Amino acid sequence: MTHSIKSAARAHARALHAAVFVFLLCAVASGQVKVTAGDVKETRRTDGFFNKLEVDLKISGEALAGAKGVRALVAKAVDETGKNLIDEKESANDFKEIDPSDKETKLAIEMKNTERRANVVQEISGSVEIFAPQRDPKATIALANFQRDIGKPIANPSLRAAGVEITVWTKAMFDARKKAEEEKLKKEMEAKAKKAETSGDLADAADLLGQGLMAIFGSMFSSFASMDENDLAFSVKDPQSKLVTIEFEDASGKAIERGGRTTIGGDPRTIIYEFKEKLPPTTRIKLYVLTPRAVMKTPFKLTNLQLP
């Protein structure tokens, strides 16, 4: 009996210490992060397109030092009438890439329009998560000579464990893939057009029209996605959104500057990185992936934001 009581007491003490530890971590994170409201913009159009409320969050604090990404998870957003402003279709859980030297960063949150009679956003609350890979060695995956197997999925046990698959393409590979997809789409549309014409089914015709419009807009957007000879495209399959960002280094570990970055699609997605010069074969990459220990979380609450 005495042994059971002592065991229970030890278990209770461990649970209490764990709870205190978690509380202290949250308190430290809160003290290192400050969240304030920036610009508030609301768009209303008579045709209903692009209607939205956009609120900027300004995030600052010591926790940003060395961080690679930040995101805001909104749990509640209401105007003064009580209308729920959270737009599930626009809710994005991806981290925004940030410069580790930045002392302040800005996040734009897109929500549904407020009621016309509303004058303020009564409350926006939730949590801000900061991705700081220096807190967990497992959050950084370094790959040397990654171009050796270009065109094939990168074979790496840490990537596989994270559920991420990455294939790197050159411009020639990307253009070939794009052409093949356009040919496939063309054949599919021709087959559906023939079927609709033969059946005379208005539903088939309407479906064809909708898919045709999607194809037109899809090809229009993809036509803007082009690569120069020095650029590299990363095809990423990442169903759990673990990959935050990718950095490039030379053989000595010195960072390689890049130009712009273009992201196409959701999952899978293609990320195109621009470079002024062709990367040497010895170039290394660092893949930053989410782990629980690498994320600092702090709650935030903003009230009575004046509408424009």
Protein backbone atom coordinates (compact mmCIF):
# COMPACT_ATOMS: atom_id res chain seq x y z
CA MET A 1 0.00 0.00 0.00
CA THR A 2 2.79 2.39 0.98
CA HIS A 3 4.61 1.62 -2.27
CA SER A 4 1.47 2.42 -4.30
CA ILE A 5 1.01 5.74 -2.52
CA LYS A 6 4.64 6.71 -3.15
CA SER A 7 4.36 5.73 -6.82
CA ALA A 8 1.19 7.79 -7.20
CA ALA A 9 2.87 10.74 -5.49
CA ARG A 10 5.88 10.51 -7.83
CA ALA A 11 3.59 10.31 -10.88
CA HIS A 12 1.65 13.33 -9.64
CA ALA A 13 4.88 15.27 -9.10
CA ARG A 14 6.11 14.43 -12.61
CA ALA A 15 2.80 15.55 -14.11
CA LEU A 16 2.94 18.78 -12.10
CA HIS A 17 6.52 19.49 -13.20
CA ALA A 18 5.58 18.84 -16.84
CA ALA A 19 2.61 21.21 -16.57
CA VAL A 20 4.79 23.90 -14.99
CA PHE A 21 7.41 23.42 -17.70
CA VAL A 22 4.82 23.83 -20.46
CA PHE A 23 3.40 26.90 -18.70
CA LEU A 24 6.85 28.46 -18.45
CA LEU A 25 7.55 27.76 -22.12
CA CYS A 26 4.29 29.50 -23.09
CA ALA A 27 5.08 32.41 -20.77
CA VAL A 28 8.56 32.80 -22.28
CA ALA A 29 7.17 32.64 -25.81
CA SER A 30 4.52 35.24 -24.94
CA GLY A 31 7.19 37.51 -23.52
CA GLN A 32 9.28 37.19 -26.67
CA VAL A 33 6.46 37.85 -29.15
CA LYS A 34 4.33 40.93 -29.61
CA VAL A 35 1.30 40.93 -31.93
CA THR A 36 -0.36 44.20 -32.93
CA ALA A 37 -2.83 45.22 -35.63
CA GLY A 38 -1.64 46.84 -38.83
CA ASP A 39 -3.73 47.98 -41.79
CA VAL A 40 -7.38 46.95 -42.07
CA LYS A 41 -8.75 46.79 -45.61
CA GLU A 42 -12.16 45.70 -46.88
CA THR A 43 -13.11 45.14 -50.51
CA ARG A 44 -16.71 44.98 -51.70
CA ARG A 45 -17.69 44.57 -55.36
CA THR A 46 -21.14 44.35 -56.86
CA ASP A 47 -20.17 41.25 -58.87
CA GLY A 48 -19.10 39.43 -55.69
CA PHE A 49 -15.60 38.66 -56.93
CA PHE A 50 -12.59 39.32 -54.68
CA ASN A 51 -14.77 40.48 -51.79
CA LYS A 52 -12.80 40.16 -48.58
CA LEU A 53 -11.67 41.68 -45.32
CA GLU A 54 -7.90 41.81 -44.85
CA VAL A 55 -6.18 42.54 -41.55
CA ASP A 56 -2.42 42.84 -41.18
CA LEU A 57 -0.78 41.41 -38.09
CA LYS A 58 2.51 43.00 -37.09
CA ILE A 59 4.66 40.47 -35.26
CA SER A 60 7.82 41.46 -33.42
CA GLY A 61 10.01 40.32 -30.56
CA GLU A 62 13.12 38.43 -29.59
CA ALA A 63 11.63 35.11 -30.72
CA LEU A 64 12.04 36.18 -34.37
CA ALA A 65 15.83 36.07 -34.08
CA GLY A 66 16.99 33.11 -36.14
CA ALA A 67 13.43 32.12 -37.07
CA LYS A 68 12.67 30.92 -40.59
CA GLY A 69 8.88 31.14 -40.71
CA VAL A 70 5.76 32.42 -39.00
CA ARG A 71 2.03 31.76 -39.27
CA ALA A 72 -1.16 32.86 -37.55
CA LEU A 73 -3.92 30.40 -36.65
CA VAL A 74 -7.18 32.30 -36.14
CA ALA A 75 -9.63 30.65 -33.75
CA LYS A 76 -12.17 33.49 -33.53
CA ALA A 77 -12.99 36.49 -35.69
CA VAL A 78 -16.26 38.41 -35.34
CA ASP A 79 -17.55 41.88 -36.10
CA GLU A 80 -19.70 43.89 -33.66
CA THR A 81 -22.87 42.17 -34.91
CA GLY A 82 -21.43 38.79 -33.96
CA LYS A 83 -20.95 37.64 -37.56
CA ASN A 84 -18.29 34.94 -37.93
CA LEU A 85 -15.60 36.33 -40.25
CA ILE A 86 -13.44 33.24 -40.59
CA ASP A 87 -13.38 32.05 -44.19
CA GLU A 88 -12.58 28.34 -44.15
CA LYS A 89 -11.83 28.41 -47.88
CA GLU A 90 -9.14 31.04 -47.40
CA SER A 91 -7.68 29.68 -44.18
CA ALA A 92 -4.01 28.94 -44.87
CA ASN A 93 -1.85 27.02 -42.45
CA ASP A 94 1.40 27.42 -44.35
CA PHE A 95 4.28 29.27 -42.75
CA LYS A 96 5.38 32.54 -44.29
CA GLU A 97 9.09 32.56 -45.00
CA ILE A 98 10.88 35.33 -43.10
CA ASP A 99 14.39 36.74 -42.95
CA PRO A 100 16.12 35.62 -39.72
CA SER A 101 17.51 39.14 -39.30
CA ASP A 102 14.06 40.79 -39.34
CA LYS A 103 12.93 42.31 -36.05
CA GLU A 104 9.36 42.64 -37.28
CA THR A 105 7.29 40.81 -39.86
CA LYS A 106 3.81 41.26 -41.23
CA LEU A 107 1.11 38.67 -41.91
CA ALA A 108 -2.06 39.37 -43.87
CA ILE A 109 -5.16 37.50 -42.70
CA GLU A 110 -8.00 37.20 -45.24
CA MET A 111 -11.54 36.86 -43.91
CA LYS A 112 -15.15 37.23 -44.99
CA ASN A 113 -16.72 40.66 -45.30
CA THR A 114 -18.29 42.22 -42.22
CA GLU A 115 -21.95 43.21 -42.05
CA ARG A 116 -22.49 46.55 -43.79
CA ARG A 117 -23.78 48.13 -40.60
CA ALA A 118 -20.68 47.08 -38.63
CA ASN A 119 -18.12 49.72 -37.70
CA VAL A 120 -15.49 47.57 -36.03
CA VAL A 121 -14.05 44.08 -35.97
CA GLN A 122 -14.91 43.21 -32.41
CA GLU A 123 -12.31 40.47 -31.96
CA ILE A 124 -9.63 38.50 -33.77
CA SER A 125 -7.91 35.92 -31.60
CA GLY A 126 -5.91 32.76 -31.94
CA SER A 127 -2.24 31.93 -31.83
CA VAL A 128 0.96 32.88 -33.62
CA GLU A 129 3.48 30.15 -34.31
CA ILE A 130 7.13 30.90 -34.98
CA PHE A 131 9.31 28.28 -36.63
CA ALA A 132 12.80 28.42 -35.08
CA PRO A 133 14.81 25.41 -36.38
CA GLN A 134 17.74 26.16 -34.06
CA ARG A 135 15.59 24.75 -31.24
CA ASP A 136 15.62 21.24 -32.75
CA PRO A 137 18.42 19.67 -34.87
CA LYS A 138 15.83 17.40 -36.51
CA ALA A 139 14.18 20.45 -38.09
CA THR A 140 17.10 20.94 -40.49
CA ILE A 141 17.93 18.43 -43.23
CA ALA A 142 21.22 19.20 -45.02
CA LEU A 143 21.86 17.63 -48.42
CA ALA A 144 25.19 17.84 -50.26
CA ASN A 145 25.46 17.39 -54.03
CA PHE A 146 21.69 17.29 -54.36
CA GLN A 147 21.95 17.88 -58.12
CA ARG A 148 23.58 14.48 -58.58
CA ASP A 149 20.17 12.78 -58.80
CA ILE A 150 18.34 15.64 -60.48
CA GLY A 151 15.07 14.59 -62.07
CA LYS A 152 14.50 11.82 -59.51
CA PRO A 153 12.90 11.97 -56.04
CA ILE A 154 15.53 12.81 -53.43
CA ALA A 155 16.33 9.69 -51.43
CA ASN A 156 16.70 10.73 -47.80
CA PRO A 157 15.42 8.91 -44.70
CA SER A 158 14.73 12.15 -42.77
CA LEU A 159 12.61 13.52 -45.62
CA ARG A 160 10.79 10.22 -45.90
CA ALA A 161 10.11 10.23 -42.16
CA ALA A 162 8.63 13.73 -42.48
CA GLY A 163 6.34 12.53 -45.29
CA VAL A 164 7.91 14.89 -47.83
CA GLU A 165 8.94 13.96 -51.38
CA ILE A 166 11.03 16.37 -53.46
CA THR A 167 12.15 16.15 -57.08
CA VAL A 168 14.42 18.80 -58.60
CA TRP A 169 14.03 19.83 -62.24
CA THR A 170 16.10 21.92 -64.61
CA LYS A 171 14.47 24.29 -67.09
CA ALA A 172 14.52 21.61 -69.80
CA MET A 173 12.83 19.10 -67.49
CA PHE A 174 10.23 21.63 -66.37
CA ASP A 175 9.38 22.65 -69.94
CA ALA A 176 9.05 19.00 -71.00
CA ARG A 177 6.69 18.30 -68.10
CA LYS A 178 4.64 21.40 -68.86
CA LYS A 179 4.29 20.43 -72.53
CA ALA A 180 3.27 16.88 -71.63
CA GLU A 181 0.58 18.14 -69.25
CA GLU A 182 -0.78 20.56 -71.85
CA GLU A 183 -1.00 17.74 -74.42
CA LYS A 184 -2.78 15.52 -71.90
CA LEU A 185 -5.25 18.30 -71.08
CA LYS A 186 -5.92 18.94 -74.75
CA LYS A 187 -6.74 15.27 -75.40
CA GLU A 188 -9.03 15.10 -72.36
CA MET A 189 -10.94 18.19 -73.47
CA GLU A 190 -11.32 16.88 -77.01
CA ALA A 191 -12.69 13.57 -75.71
CA LYS A 192 -15.19 15.31 -73.41
CA ALA A 193 -16.29 17.67 -76.19
CA LYS A 194 -17.00 14.73 -78.47
CA LYS A 195 -18.95 12.94 -75.74
CA ALA A 196 -21.08 16.01 -75.01
CA GLU A 197 -21.77 16.54 -78.70
CA THR A 198 -22.84 12.89 -79.17
CA SER A 199 -25.07 12.66 -76.09
CA GLY A 200 -26.63 16.07 -76.49
CA ASP A 201 -26.78 16.18 -72.69
CA LEU A 202 -26.97 19.76 -71.44
CA ALA A 203 -25.46 18.67 -68.12
CA ASP A 204 -22.44 17.29 -69.99
CA ALA A 205 -22.21 20.52 -71.95
CA ALA A 206 -22.38 22.64 -68.79
CA ASP A 207 -19.76 20.46 -67.14
CA LEU A 208 -17.58 20.77 -70.21
CA LEU A 209 -17.93 24.55 -70.16
CA GLY A 210 -16.90 24.73 -66.51
CA GLN A 211 -13.90 22.50 -67.05
CA GLY A 212 -13.00 24.41 -70.18
CA LEU A 213 -12.94 27.68 -68.25
CA MET A 214 -10.78 26.09 -65.60
CA ALA A 215 -8.44 24.82 -68.29
CA ILE A 216 -8.22 28.25 -69.88
CA PHE A 217 -7.40 30.01 -66.62
CA GLY A 218 -5.07 27.21 -65.59
CA SER A 219 -3.08 27.40 -68.80
CA MET A 220 -3.08 31.19 -68.60
CA PHE A 221 -1.53 31.15 -65.16
CA SER A 222 0.93 28.38 -66.04
CA SER A 223 2.08 30.38 -69.05
CA PHE A 224 3.44 32.97 -66.62
CA ALA A 225 5.42 30.27 -64.83
CA SER A 226 8.59 30.15 -66.87
CA MET A 227 12.19 29.39 -66.04
CA ASP A 228 15.53 30.78 -67.10
CA GLU A 229 18.50 28.54 -67.74
CA ASN A 230 19.99 29.02 -64.26
CA ASP A 231 16.75 28.43 -62.36
CA LEU A 232 15.73 25.26 -60.55
CA ALA A 233 12.23 23.90 -59.93
CA PHE A 234 11.39 21.81 -56.87
CA SER A 235 8.39 19.52 -57.22
CA VAL A 236 7.12 19.00 -53.65
CA LYS A 237 4.64 16.43 -52.37
CA ASP A 238 3.95 17.48 -48.80
CA PRO A 239 0.45 16.49 -47.62
CA GLN A 240 1.13 17.52 -44.01
CA SER A 241 2.69 20.90 -44.95
CA LYS A 242 5.95 20.08 -43.17
CA LEU A 243 8.38 21.88 -45.51
CA VAL A 244 8.80 25.52 -44.48
CA THR A 245 11.63 26.75 -46.69
CA ILE A 246 14.80 25.81 -48.59
CA GLU A 247 18.18 27.53 -48.42
CA PHE A 248 21.20 27.16 -50.70
CA GLU A 249 24.89 27.07 -49.71
CA ASP A 250 28.22 26.59 -51.44
CA ALA A 251 30.61 23.79 -50.47
CA SER A 252 32.06 25.90 -47.64
CA GLY A 253 28.65 26.59 -46.09
CA LYS A 254 28.36 30.18 -47.34
CA ALA A 255 24.82 31.20 -48.26
CA ILE A 256 24.09 31.53 -51.99
CA GLU A 257 21.89 34.48 -52.83
CA ARG A 258 18.92 33.84 -55.05
CA GLY A 259 16.43 35.99 -56.86
CA GLY A 260 12.68 35.54 -56.78
CA ARG A 261 10.62 32.50 -55.91
CA THR A 262 7.41 31.35 -57.61
CA THR A 263 5.06 28.73 -56.16
CA ILE A 264 2.53 26.91 -58.34
CA GLY A 265 -0.27 24.76 -56.94
CA GLY A 266 -1.02 23.44 -53.45
CA ASP A 267 -0.14 19.80 -52.91
CA PRO A 268 1.73 18.77 -54.88
CA ARG A 269 3.28 22.15 -55.59
CA THR A 270 6.17 23.37 -57.70
CA ILE A 271 8.57 26.00 -56.35
CA ILE A 272 10.79 27.80 -58.85
CA TYR A 273 13.95 29.45 -57.51
CA GLU A 274 15.72 32.05 -59.63
CA PHE A 275 19.50 32.40 -59.79
CA LYS A 276 21.74 34.87 -61.63
CA GLU A 277 24.38 32.21 -62.24
CA LYS A 278 24.28 28.46 -62.70
CA LEU A 279 24.69 26.65 -59.40
CA PRO A 280 27.91 24.63 -59.11
CA PRO A 281 27.53 20.84 -58.74
CA THR A 282 28.81 21.05 -55.15
CA THR A 283 25.93 23.30 -54.03
CA ARG A 284 24.23 22.15 -50.82
CA ILE A 285 20.66 22.72 -49.71
CA LYS A 286 19.11 22.98 -46.29
CA LEU A 287 15.51 21.83 -45.99
CA TYR A 288 13.68 23.18 -42.97
CA VAL A 289 10.83 20.92 -41.82
CA LEU A 290 8.35 21.30 -39.00
CA THR A 291 8.92 19.52 -35.72
CA PRO A 292 7.07 20.20 -32.44
CA ARG A 293 10.21 21.35 -30.64
CA ALA A 294 11.05 23.88 -33.37
CA VAL A 295 7.76 25.76 -33.01
CA MET A 296 7.10 28.49 -30.46
CA LYS A 297 3.42 29.24 -29.92
CA THR A 298 1.89 32.29 -28.28
CA PRO A 299 -1.75 33.41 -28.04
CA PHE A 300 -2.94 36.76 -29.33
CA LYS A 301 -6.14 38.77 -29.11
CA LEU A 302 -6.98 42.00 -30.94
CA THR A 303 -10.19 43.91 -30.23
CA ASN A 304 -12.21 46.80 -31.64
CA LEU A 305 -10.36 47.23 -34.93
CA GLN A 306 -11.86 50.17 -36.79
CA LEU A 307 -13.19 49.32 -40.24
CA PRO A 308 -12.29 51.60 -43.18
